[in-house]
Amino acid sequence: MLVLLGKFNKEWSNSGVSKNLGATKANEAWDILHNEFKGSSKVGLCKLQDLRRDFENINLKEIETMQVFLDRFIELVNQMKNNYGDKIKDKKIDEKVLISLLEKFDPIVSVIEETKDLSIMTIQELIGSLKPFEIIATF
């Protein structure tokens, strides 16, 4: 393993990439690239705060389908969790989806809140409960 790493570092040093980054070793280049694309911890905190603000402000738009909204919403939550380590709970996610819907969804939201335990309900279960109502609500 050490021989392989030594060989890689030698090849890395001879490549033009290391000179462009100002790095002499692969791990130095990794640190540079990581900071450039992921950001330092302060930059990461700022990005997470932006995502949290987006989370608080996201709503289903009158002109979009439930699926488009849910795709936007899930992408946002995944960025918060996977890229920045946010520990947002499923219950908060489910509650946010329910309060982000249009008024025409109020009847199904009431039914879900009264009959389901949001503390153990997954987002997939919630989506499964909402999808059939979207078809009915569009008529």
C-alpha atoms as a PDB file:
ATOM      1  CA  MET A   1       0.000   0.000   0.000  1.00  0.00           C
ATOM      2  CA  LEU A   2       2.787   2.437   0.884  1.00  0.00           C
ATOM      3  CA  VAL A   3       4.541   1.644  -2.394  1.00  0.00           C
ATOM      4  CA  LEU A   4       1.333   2.458  -4.275  1.00  0.00           C
ATOM      5  CA  LEU A   5       0.882   5.758  -2.419  1.00  0.00           C
ATOM      6  CA  GLY A   6       4.512   6.689  -3.030  1.00  0.00           C
ATOM      7  CA  LYS A   7       4.129   5.924  -6.725  1.00  0.00           C
ATOM      8  CA  PHE A   8       0.932   8.004  -6.871  1.00  0.00           C
ATOM      9  CA  ASN A   9       2.600  10.950  -5.135  1.00  0.00           C
ATOM     10  CA  LYS A  10       5.530  10.744  -7.579  1.00  0.00           C
ATOM     11  CA  GLU A  11       3.170  10.718 -10.569  1.00  0.00           C
ATOM     12  CA  TRP A  12       1.161  13.508  -8.989  1.00  0.00           C
ATOM     13  CA  SER A  13       4.250  15.672  -8.553  1.00  0.00           C
ATOM     14  CA  ASN A  14       5.168  15.180 -12.221  1.00  0.00           C
ATOM     15  CA  SER A  15       1.681  16.115 -13.474  1.00  0.00           C
ATOM     16  CA  GLY A  16       0.735  19.631 -14.485  1.00  0.00           C
ATOM     17  CA  VAL A  17      -2.287  19.542 -12.183  1.00  0.00           C
ATOM     18  CA  SER A  18      -0.179  19.778  -9.053  1.00  0.00           C
ATOM     19  CA  LYS A  19       1.574  22.886 -10.370  1.00  0.00           C
ATOM     20  CA  ASN A  20      -1.727  24.570 -11.255  1.00  0.00           C
ATOM     21  CA  LEU A  21      -3.084  24.019  -7.751  1.00  0.00           C
ATOM     22  CA  GLY A  22       0.147  24.915  -6.026  1.00  0.00           C
ATOM     23  CA  ALA A  23       0.234  21.503  -4.351  1.00  0.00           C
ATOM     24  CA  THR A  24       3.168  19.132  -4.270  1.00  0.00           C
ATOM     25  CA  LYS A  25       1.343  16.095  -2.876  1.00  0.00           C
ATOM     26  CA  ALA A  26      -1.982  14.474  -3.623  1.00  0.00           C
ATOM     27  CA  ASN A  27      -3.351  15.109  -0.122  1.00  0.00           C
ATOM     28  CA  GLU A  28      -2.486  18.815  -0.434  1.00  0.00           C
ATOM     29  CA  ALA A  29      -4.364  18.957  -3.728  1.00  0.00           C
ATOM     30  CA  TRP A  30      -7.300  17.183  -2.112  1.00  0.00           C
ATOM     31  CA  ASP A  31      -7.413  19.793   0.655  1.00  0.00           C
ATOM     32  CA  ILE A  32      -7.276  22.609  -1.887  1.00  0.00           C
ATOM     33  CA  LEU A  33     -10.017  21.085  -4.047  1.00  0.00           C
ATOM     34  CA  HIS A  34     -12.142  20.256  -1.018  1.00  0.00           C
ATOM     35  CA  ASN A  35     -11.979  23.839   0.275  1.00  0.00           C
ATOM     36  CA  GLU A  36     -12.638  25.212  -3.190  1.00  0.00           C
ATOM     37  CA  PHE A  37     -15.731  23.145  -3.917  1.00  0.00           C
ATOM     38  CA  LYS A  38     -17.089  22.303  -0.469  1.00  0.00           C
ATOM     39  CA  GLY A  39     -15.798  25.353   1.355  1.00  0.00           C
ATOM     40  CA  SER A  40     -14.277  25.867   4.745  1.00  0.00           C
ATOM     41  CA  SER A  41     -16.357  25.168   7.849  1.00  0.00           C
ATOM     42  CA  LYS A  42     -17.471  28.820   7.988  1.00  0.00           C
ATOM     43  CA  VAL A  43     -18.539  28.736   4.351  1.00  0.00           C
ATOM     44  CA  GLY A  44     -20.357  25.459   5.028  1.00  0.00           C
ATOM     45  CA  LEU A  45     -22.237  27.041   7.929  1.00  0.00           C
ATOM     46  CA  CYS A  46     -23.285  29.955   5.729  1.00  0.00           C
ATOM     47  CA  LYS A  47     -24.486  27.570   3.015  1.00  0.00           C
ATOM     48  CA  LEU A  48     -26.412  25.536   5.579  1.00  0.00           C
ATOM     49  CA  GLN A  49     -28.053  28.703   6.892  1.00  0.00           C
ATOM     50  CA  ASP A  50     -29.092  29.595   3.334  1.00  0.00           C
ATOM     51  CA  LEU A  51     -30.567  26.126   2.899  1.00  0.00           C
ATOM     52  CA  ARG A  52     -32.412  26.395   6.222  1.00  0.00           C
ATOM     53  CA  ARG A  53     -33.876  29.722   5.108  1.00  0.00           C
ATOM     54  CA  ASP A  54     -34.970  28.085   1.847  1.00  0.00           C
ATOM     55  CA  PHE A  55     -36.494  25.249   3.894  1.00  0.00           C
ATOM     56  CA  GLU A  56     -38.511  27.687   5.979  1.00  0.00           C
ATOM     57  CA  ASN A  57     -39.728  29.579   2.911  1.00  0.00           C
ATOM     58  CA  ILE A  58     -40.492  26.735   0.510  1.00  0.00           C
ATOM     59  CA  ASN A  59     -44.134  26.348  -0.511  1.00  0.00           C
ATOM     60  CA  LEU A  60     -46.141  24.576  -3.172  1.00  0.00           C
ATOM     61  CA  LYS A  61     -46.755  27.075  -5.951  1.00  0.00           C
ATOM     62  CA  GLU A  62     -50.167  27.379  -7.542  1.00  0.00           C
ATOM     63  CA  ILE A  63     -48.758  26.485 -10.952  1.00  0.00           C
ATOM     64  CA  GLU A  64     -46.711  23.419  -9.974  1.00  0.00           C
ATOM     65  CA  THR A  65     -47.676  19.820  -9.406  1.00  0.00           C
ATOM     66  CA  MET A  66     -47.219  18.053  -6.121  1.00  0.00           C
ATOM     67  CA  GLN A  67     -44.432  15.966  -7.690  1.00  0.00           C
ATOM     68  CA  VAL A  68     -42.461  19.024  -8.811  1.00  0.00           C
ATOM     69  CA  PHE A  69     -42.814  20.573  -5.359  1.00  0.00           C
ATOM     70  CA  LEU A  70     -41.797  17.350  -3.607  1.00  0.00           C
ATOM     71  CA  ASP A  71     -38.776  16.959  -5.897  1.00  0.00           C
ATOM     72  CA  ARG A  72     -37.647  20.503  -5.006  1.00  0.00           C
ATOM     73  CA  PHE A  73     -38.327  19.877  -1.334  1.00  0.00           C
ATOM     74  CA  ILE A  74     -36.528  16.533  -1.137  1.00  0.00           C
ATOM     75  CA  GLU A  75     -33.534  17.930  -3.030  1.00  0.00           C
ATOM     76  CA  LEU A  76     -33.319  20.750  -0.490  1.00  0.00           C
ATOM     77  CA  VAL A  77     -33.559  18.384   2.488  1.00  0.00           C
ATOM     78  CA  ASN A  78     -30.957  16.052   0.963  1.00  0.00           C
ATOM     79  CA  GLN A  79     -28.540  18.955   0.515  1.00  0.00           C
ATOM     80  CA  MET A  80     -29.038  19.960   4.138  1.00  0.00           C
ATOM     81  CA  LYS A  81     -28.514  16.432   5.428  1.00  0.00           C
ATOM     82  CA  ASN A  82     -25.923  14.958   3.080  1.00  0.00           C
ATOM     83  CA  ASN A  83     -23.763  17.942   2.193  1.00  0.00           C
ATOM     84  CA  TYR A  84     -23.851  19.859   5.469  1.00  0.00           C
ATOM     85  CA  GLY A  85     -24.731  17.265   8.118  1.00  0.00           C
ATOM     86  CA  ASP A  86     -27.994  18.822   9.275  1.00  0.00           C
ATOM     87  CA  LYS A  87     -29.822  16.522  11.701  1.00  0.00           C
ATOM     88  CA  ILE A  88     -33.338  17.541  10.696  1.00  0.00           C
ATOM     89  CA  LYS A  89     -35.914  15.059  11.981  1.00  0.00           C
ATOM     90  CA  ASP A  90     -38.509  13.271   9.850  1.00  0.00           C
ATOM     91  CA  LYS A  91     -41.314  14.795  11.917  1.00  0.00           C
ATOM     92  CA  LYS A  92     -40.157  18.322  11.086  1.00  0.00           C
ATOM     93  CA  ILE A  93     -39.860  17.378   7.413  1.00  0.00           C
ATOM     94  CA  ASP A  94     -43.387  15.932   7.364  1.00  0.00           C
ATOM     95  CA  GLU A  95     -44.819  18.939   9.198  1.00  0.00           C
ATOM     96  CA  LYS A  96     -43.117  21.321   6.781  1.00  0.00           C
ATOM     97  CA  VAL A  97     -44.550  19.495   3.766  1.00  0.00           C
ATOM     98  CA  LEU A  98     -48.046  19.675   5.246  1.00  0.00           C
ATOM     99  CA  ILE A  99     -47.914  23.397   6.030  1.00  0.00           C
ATOM    100  CA  SER A 100     -46.387  24.152   2.627  1.00  0.00           C
ATOM    101  CA  LEU A 101     -49.373  22.904   0.666  1.00  0.00           C
ATOM    102  CA  LEU A 102     -52.133  25.000  -0.870  1.00  0.00           C
ATOM    103  CA  GLU A 103     -55.499  25.452   0.847  1.00  0.00           C
ATOM    104  CA  LYS A 104     -57.146  22.903  -1.426  1.00  0.00           C
ATOM    105  CA  PHE A 105     -55.113  20.259   0.430  1.00  0.00           C
ATOM    106  CA  ASP A 106     -56.412  21.275   3.872  1.00  0.00           C
ATOM    107  CA  PRO A 107     -58.899  18.366   4.110  1.00  0.00           C
ATOM    108  CA  ILE A 108     -56.250  15.688   3.508  1.00  0.00           C
ATOM    109  CA  VAL A 109     -53.776  17.529   5.765  1.00  0.00           C
ATOM    110  CA  SER A 110     -56.364  17.414   8.580  1.00  0.00           C
ATOM    111  CA  VAL A 111     -56.988  13.715   8.001  1.00  0.00           C
ATOM    112  CA  ILE A 112     -53.258  12.931   8.031  1.00  0.00           C
ATOM    113  CA  GLU A 113     -52.650  14.976  11.183  1.00  0.00           C
ATOM    114  CA  GLU A 114     -55.537  13.281  12.987  1.00  0.00           C
ATOM    115  CA  THR A 115     -54.920   9.692  11.891  1.00  0.00           C
ATOM    116  CA  LYS A 116     -51.152   9.368  11.458  1.00  0.00           C
ATOM    117  CA  ASP A 117     -48.266   9.616  13.894  1.00  0.00           C
ATOM    118  CA  LEU A 118     -45.960  12.154  12.257  1.00  0.00           C
ATOM    119  CA  SER A 119     -43.147  11.305  14.667  1.00  0.00           C
ATOM    120  CA  ILE A 120     -42.714   7.895  13.002  1.00  0.00           C
ATOM    121  CA  MET A 121     -44.095   8.604   9.532  1.00  0.00           C
ATOM    122  CA  THR A 122     -41.505   8.687   6.749  1.00  0.00           C
ATOM    123  CA  ILE A 123     -41.587  11.203   3.921  1.00  0.00           C
ATOM    124  CA  GLN A 124     -42.351   8.336   1.530  1.00  0.00           C
ATOM    125  CA  GLU A 125     -45.437   7.368   3.561  1.00  0.00           C
ATOM    126  CA  LEU A 126     -46.555  10.991   3.611  1.00  0.00           C
ATOM    127  CA  ILE A 127     -46.139  11.291  -0.153  1.00  0.00           C
ATOM    128  CA  GLY A 128     -48.130   8.083  -0.567  1.00  0.00           C
ATOM    129  CA  SER A 129     -50.968   9.616   1.448  1.00  0.00           C
ATOM    130  CA  LEU A 130     -50.918  12.902  -0.481  1.00  0.00           C
ATOM    131  CA  LYS A 131     -50.633  11.629  -4.067  1.00  0.00           C
ATOM    132  CA  PRO A 132     -54.159  10.218  -4.458  1.00  0.00           C
ATOM    133  CA  PHE A 133     -55.665  13.439  -3.071  1.00  0.00           C
ATOM    134  CA  GLU A 134     -53.792  15.552  -5.642  1.00  0.00           C
ATOM    135  CA  ILE A 135     -55.634  13.732  -8.430  1.00  0.00           C
ATOM    136  CA  ILE A 136     -58.991  14.351  -6.735  1.00  0.00           C
ATOM    137  CA  ALA A 137     -58.172  17.991  -5.930  1.00  0.00           C
ATOM    138  CA  THR A 138     -57.408  18.823  -9.563  1.00  0.00           C
ATOM    139  CA  PHE A 139     -61.008  18.107 -10.672  1.00  0.00           C
END
